[in-house]
PDB file of N, CA and C in Angstrom:
ATOM      1  N   MET A   1     212.753 105.596 132.723  1.00  0.00           N
ATOM      2  CA  MET A   1     212.367 106.997 132.869  1.00  0.00           C
ATOM      3  C   MET A   1     212.237 107.337 134.348  1.00  0.00           C
ATOM      4  N   ALA A   2     212.733 108.500 134.735  1.00  0.00           N
ATOM      5  CA  ALA A   2     212.655 108.929 136.124  1.00  0.00           C
ATOM      6  C   ALA A   2     211.346 109.680 136.336  1.00  0.00           C
ATOM      7  N   TYR A   3     210.332 108.989 136.865  1.00  0.00           N
ATOM      8  CA  TYR A   3     209.019 109.598 137.004  1.00  0.00           C
ATOM      9  C   TYR A   3     208.965 110.652 138.091  1.00  0.00           C
ATOM     10  N   LYS A   4     209.895 110.626 139.028  1.00  0.00           N
ATOM     11  CA  LYS A   4     209.861 111.647 140.095  1.00  0.00           C
ATOM     12  C   LYS A   4     210.239 113.041 139.547  1.00  0.00           C
ATOM     13  N   ASN A   5     210.924 113.097 138.416  1.00  0.00           N
ATOM     14  CA  ASN A   5     211.313 114.381 137.837  1.00  0.00           C
ATOM     15  C   ASN A   5     210.251 114.969 136.908  1.00  0.00           C
ATOM     16  N   VAL A   6     209.187 114.247 136.680  1.00  0.00           N
ATOM     17  CA  VAL A   6     208.135 114.694 135.776  1.00  0.00           C
ATOM     18  C   VAL A   6     207.080 115.431 136.602  1.00  0.00           C
ATOM     19  N   GLY A   7     206.560 116.544 136.078  1.00  0.00           N
ATOM     20  CA  GLY A   7     205.476 117.230 136.779  1.00  0.00           C
ATOM     21  C   GLY A   7     205.803 118.697 136.986  1.00  0.00           C
ATOM     22  N   SER A   8     204.967 119.318 137.782  1.00  0.00           N
ATOM     23  CA  SER A   8     205.104 120.757 137.985  1.00  0.00           C
ATOM     24  C   SER A   8     206.208 121.053 138.996  1.00  0.00           C
ATOM     25  N   ILE A   9     206.590 122.301 139.030  1.00  0.00           N
ATOM     26  CA  ILE A   9     207.626 122.770 139.955  1.00  0.00           C
ATOM     27  C   ILE A   9     207.069 122.779 141.360  1.00  0.00           C
ATOM     28  N   LYS A  10     207.868 122.420 142.326  1.00  0.00           N
ATOM     29  CA  LYS A  10     207.437 122.406 143.717  1.00  0.00           C
ATOM     30  C   LYS A  10     207.225 123.817 144.229  1.00  0.00           C
ATOM     31  N   GLN A  11     206.194 123.999 145.029  1.00  0.00           N
ATOM     32  CA  GLN A  11     205.932 125.304 145.637  1.00  0.00           C
ATOM     33  C   GLN A  11     206.975 125.591 146.731  1.00  0.00           C
ATOM     34  N   ARG A  12     207.115 126.883 147.054  1.00  0.00           N
ATOM     35  CA  ARG A  12     208.115 127.295 148.018  1.00  0.00           C
ATOM     36  C   ARG A  12     207.647 127.172 149.454  1.00  0.00           C
ATOM     37  N   GLY A  13     206.458 126.696 149.704  1.00  0.00           N
ATOM     38  CA  GLY A  13     205.954 126.608 151.072  1.00  0.00           C
ATOM     39  C   GLY A  13     205.326 127.901 151.505  1.00  0.00           C
ATOM     40  N   ASN A  14     205.544 128.303 152.735  1.00  0.00           N
ATOM     41  CA  ASN A  14     204.893 129.480 153.283  1.00  0.00           C
ATOM     42  C   ASN A  14     205.715 130.753 153.105  1.00  0.00           C
ATOM     43  N   SER A  15     206.882 130.669 152.520  1.00  0.00           N
ATOM     44  CA  SER A  15     207.709 131.859 152.376  1.00  0.00           C
ATOM     45  C   SER A  15     207.141 132.761 151.280  1.00  0.00           C
ATOM     46  N   PRO A  16     207.140 134.076 151.483  1.00  0.00           N
ATOM     47  CA  PRO A  16     206.602 134.978 150.468  1.00  0.00           C
ATOM     48  C   PRO A  16     207.520 135.065 149.254  1.00  0.00           C
ATOM     49  N   ARG A  17     206.963 135.478 148.123  1.00  0.00           N
ATOM     50  CA  ARG A  17     207.739 135.589 146.898  1.00  0.00           C
ATOM     51  C   ARG A  17     208.665 136.806 146.915  1.00  0.00           C
ATOM     52  N   HIS A  18     208.322 137.813 147.722  1.00  0.00           N
ATOM     53  CA  HIS A  18     209.120 139.027 147.786  1.00  0.00           C
ATOM     54  C   HIS A  18     208.966 139.651 149.157  1.00  0.00           C
ATOM     55  N   ASN A  19     209.828 140.573 149.493  1.00  0.00           N
ATOM     56  CA  ASN A  19     209.757 141.279 150.777  1.00  0.00           C
ATOM     57  C   ASN A  19     208.906 142.524 150.625  1.00  0.00           C
ATOM     58  N   GLU A  20     208.050 142.789 151.598  1.00  0.00           N
ATOM     59  CA  GLU A  20     207.241 143.979 151.586  1.00  0.00           C
ATOM     60  C   GLU A  20     208.103 145.181 151.993  1.00  0.00           C
ATOM     61  N   HIS A  21     207.780 146.355 151.468  1.00  0.00           N
ATOM     62  CA  HIS A  21     208.585 147.539 151.786  1.00  0.00           C
ATOM     63  C   HIS A  21     208.365 148.004 153.230  1.00  0.00           C
ATOM     64  N   ASN A  22     207.247 147.653 153.839  1.00  0.00           N
ATOM     65  CA  ASN A  22     206.972 148.083 155.213  1.00  0.00           C
ATOM     66  C   ASN A  22     206.774 146.875 156.133  1.00  0.00           C
ATOM     67  N   ALA A  23     207.558 145.838 155.919  1.00  0.00           N
ATOM     68  CA  ALA A  23     207.441 144.620 156.719  1.00  0.00           C
ATOM     69  C   ALA A  23     207.876 144.887 158.161  1.00  0.00           C
ATOM     70  N   LYS A  24     207.326 144.117 159.092  1.00  0.00           N
ATOM     71  CA  LYS A  24     207.717 144.252 160.510  1.00  0.00           C
ATOM     72  C   LYS A  24     209.206 143.982 160.638  1.00  0.00           C
ATOM     73  N   GLY A  25     209.878 144.827 161.399  1.00  0.00           N
ATOM     74  CA  GLY A  25     211.289 144.658 161.640  1.00  0.00           C
ATOM     75  C   GLY A  25     212.179 145.379 160.635  1.00  0.00           C
ATOM     76  N   SER A  26     211.589 145.991 159.624  1.00  0.00           N
ATOM     77  CA  SER A  26     212.385 146.731 158.641  1.00  0.00           C
ATOM     78  C   SER A  26     212.692 148.125 159.187  1.00  0.00           C
ATOM     79  N   SER A  27     213.458 148.885 158.446  1.00  0.00           N
ATOM     80  CA  SER A  27     213.813 150.233 158.905  1.00  0.00           C
ATOM     81  C   SER A  27     212.591 151.141 158.953  1.00  0.00           C
ATOM     82  N   GLU A  28     211.623 150.908 158.065  1.00  0.00           N
ATOM     83  CA  GLU A  28     210.420 151.739 158.038  1.00  0.00           C
ATOM     84  C   GLU A  28     209.437 151.381 159.149  1.00  0.00           C
ATOM     85  N   ASN A  29     209.471 150.126 159.603  1.00  0.00           N
ATOM     86  CA  ASN A  29     208.497 149.652 160.595  1.00  0.00           C
ATOM     87  C   ASN A  29     209.229 148.770 161.620  1.00  0.00           C
ATOM     88  N   PRO A  30     210.048 149.347 162.497  1.00  0.00           N
ATOM     89  CA  PRO A  30     210.816 148.531 163.433  1.00  0.00           C
ATOM     90  C   PRO A  30     209.934 147.843 164.477  1.00  0.00           C
ATOM     91  N   PHE A  31     210.439 146.745 165.033  1.00  0.00           N
ATOM     92  CA  PHE A  31     209.732 146.028 166.084  1.00  0.00           C
ATOM     93  C   PHE A  31     209.602 146.912 167.305  1.00  0.00           C
ATOM     94  N   GLY A  32     208.516 146.769 168.046  1.00  0.00           N
ATOM     95  CA  GLY A  32     208.336 147.495 169.294  1.00  0.00           C
ATOM     96  C   GLY A  32     207.887 148.930 169.136  1.00  0.00           C
ATOM     97  N   LYS A  33     207.758 149.410 167.914  1.00  0.00           N
ATOM     98  CA  LYS A  33     207.334 150.784 167.704  1.00  0.00           C
ATOM     99  C   LYS A  33     205.855 150.776 167.370  1.00  0.00           C
ATOM    100  N   SER A  34     205.055 151.195 168.329  1.00  0.00           N
ATOM    101  CA  SER A  34     203.619 151.261 168.073  1.00  0.00           C
ATOM    102  C   SER A  34     203.094 152.541 168.671  1.00  0.00           C
ATOM    103  N   GLU A  35     202.092 153.100 168.024  1.00  0.00           N
ATOM    104  CA  GLU A  35     201.552 154.361 168.525  1.00  0.00           C
ATOM    105  C   GLU A  35     200.649 154.129 169.717  1.00  0.00           C
ATOM    106  N   SER A  36     200.523 155.147 170.566  1.00  0.00           N
ATOM    107  CA  SER A  36     199.654 155.034 171.723  1.00  0.00           C
ATOM    108  C   SER A  36     198.191 155.106 171.283  1.00  0.00           C
ATOM    109  N   LYS A  37     197.313 154.762 172.192  1.00  0.00           N
ATOM    110  CA  LYS A  37     195.894 154.789 171.867  1.00  0.00           C
ATOM    111  C   LYS A  37     195.433 156.213 171.560  1.00  0.00           C
ATOM    112  N   ALA A  38     195.981 157.195 172.280  1.00  0.00           N
ATOM    113  CA  ALA A  38     195.621 158.582 172.052  1.00  0.00           C
ATOM    114  C   ALA A  38     196.013 159.039 170.627  1.00  0.00           C
ATOM    115  N   GLU A  39     197.217 158.642 170.200  1.00  0.00           N
ATOM    116  CA  GLU A  39     197.669 159.004 168.858  1.00  0.00           C
ATOM    117  C   GLU A  39     196.790 158.337 167.794  1.00  0.00           C
ATOM    118  N   LEU A  40     196.410 157.078 168.049  1.00  0.00           N
ATOM    119  CA  LEU A  40     195.554 156.370 167.111  1.00  0.00           C
ATOM    120  C   LEU A  40     194.192 157.044 167.009  1.00  0.00           C
ATOM    121  N   LEU A  41     193.606 157.421 168.141  1.00  0.00           N
ATOM    122  CA  LEU A  41     192.301 158.081 168.144  1.00  0.00           C
ATOM    123  C   LEU A  41     192.374 159.415 167.419  1.00  0.00           C
ATOM    124  N   ALA A  42     193.435 160.175 167.647  1.00  0.00           N
ATOM    125  CA  ALA A  42     193.603 161.463 166.989  1.00  0.00           C
ATOM    126  C   ALA A  42     193.670 161.279 165.472  1.00  0.00           C
ATOM    127  N   ARG A  43     194.404 160.265 165.024  1.00  0.00           N
ATOM    128  CA  ARG A  43     194.530 160.013 163.595  1.00  0.00           C
ATOM    129  C   ARG A  43     193.194 159.594 162.987  1.00  0.00           C
ATOM    130  N   MET A  44     192.440 158.768 163.716  1.00  0.00           N
ATOM    131  CA  MET A  44     191.126 158.331 163.234  1.00  0.00           C
ATOM    132  C   MET A  44     190.135 159.487 163.174  1.00  0.00           C
ATOM    133  N   LYS A  45     190.167 160.358 164.167  1.00  0.00           N
ATOM    134  CA  LYS A  45     189.268 161.509 164.190  1.00  0.00           C
ATOM    135  C   LYS A  45     189.588 162.459 163.043  1.00  0.00           C
ATOM    136  N   ALA A  46     190.864 162.675 162.776  1.00  0.00           N
ATOM    137  CA  ALA A  46     191.266 163.554 161.681  1.00  0.00           C
ATOM    138  C   ALA A  46     190.800 162.985 160.345  1.00  0.00           C
ATOM    139  N   ALA A  47     190.892 161.660 160.184  1.00  0.00           N
ATOM    140  CA  ALA A  47     190.448 161.025 158.948  1.00  0.00           C
ATOM    141  C   ALA A  47     188.920 161.143 158.811  1.00  0.00           C
ATOM    142  N   ALA A  48     188.201 161.020 159.914  1.00  0.00           N
ATOM    143  CA  ALA A  48     186.753 161.149 159.873  1.00  0.00           C
ATOM    144  C   ALA A  48     186.326 162.587 159.499  1.00  0.00           C
ATOM    145  N   GLU A  49     187.051 163.564 160.022  1.00  0.00           N
ATOM    146  CA  GLU A  49     186.753 164.954 159.686  1.00  0.00           C
ATOM    147  C   GLU A  49     187.007 165.222 158.208  1.00  0.00           C
ATOM    148  N   LEU A  50     188.064 164.655 157.672  1.00  0.00           N
ATOM    149  CA  LEU A  50     188.361 164.815 156.252  1.00  0.00           C
ATOM    150  C   LEU A  50     187.248 164.240 155.389  1.00  0.00           C
ATOM    151  N   ARG A  51     186.735 163.073 155.772  1.00  0.00           N
ATOM    152  CA  ARG A  51     185.643 162.456 155.020  1.00  0.00           C
ATOM    153  C   ARG A  51     184.380 163.318 155.099  1.00  0.00           C
ATOM    154  N   LYS A  52     184.129 163.929 156.260  1.00  0.00           N
ATOM    155  CA  LYS A  52     182.941 164.794 156.413  1.00  0.00           C
ATOM    156  C   LYS A  52     183.062 166.036 155.538  1.00  0.00           C
ATOM    157  N   GLU A  53     184.277 166.597 155.462  1.00  0.00           N
ATOM    158  CA  GLU A  53     184.490 167.813 154.664  1.00  0.00           C
ATOM    159  C   GLU A  53     184.336 167.547 153.177  1.00  0.00           C
ATOM    160  N   LYS A  54     184.700 166.345 152.725  1.00  0.00           N
ATOM    161  CA  LYS A  54     184.626 166.021 151.312  1.00  0.00           C
ATOM    162  C   LYS A  54     183.188 165.860 150.831  1.00  0.00           C
ATOM    163  N   LYS A  55     182.245 165.560 151.727  1.00  0.00           N
ATOM    164  CA  LYS A  55     180.853 165.326 151.320  1.00  0.00           C
ATOM    165  C   LYS A  55     180.135 166.596 151.090  1.00  0.00           C
TER     166      LYS A  55
END
């Protein structure tokens, strides 16, 4: 009997099971494209105002 063939299936290692739709380097999220700090702050402030209005 070949005992090395008995047992569970080997794991794939560190590779993901599927590709994310917004993975780095994809068309939706290209490398090197990042927003400036001012744009980030503006987006965060707008989100904070929305939360204040909902209360």
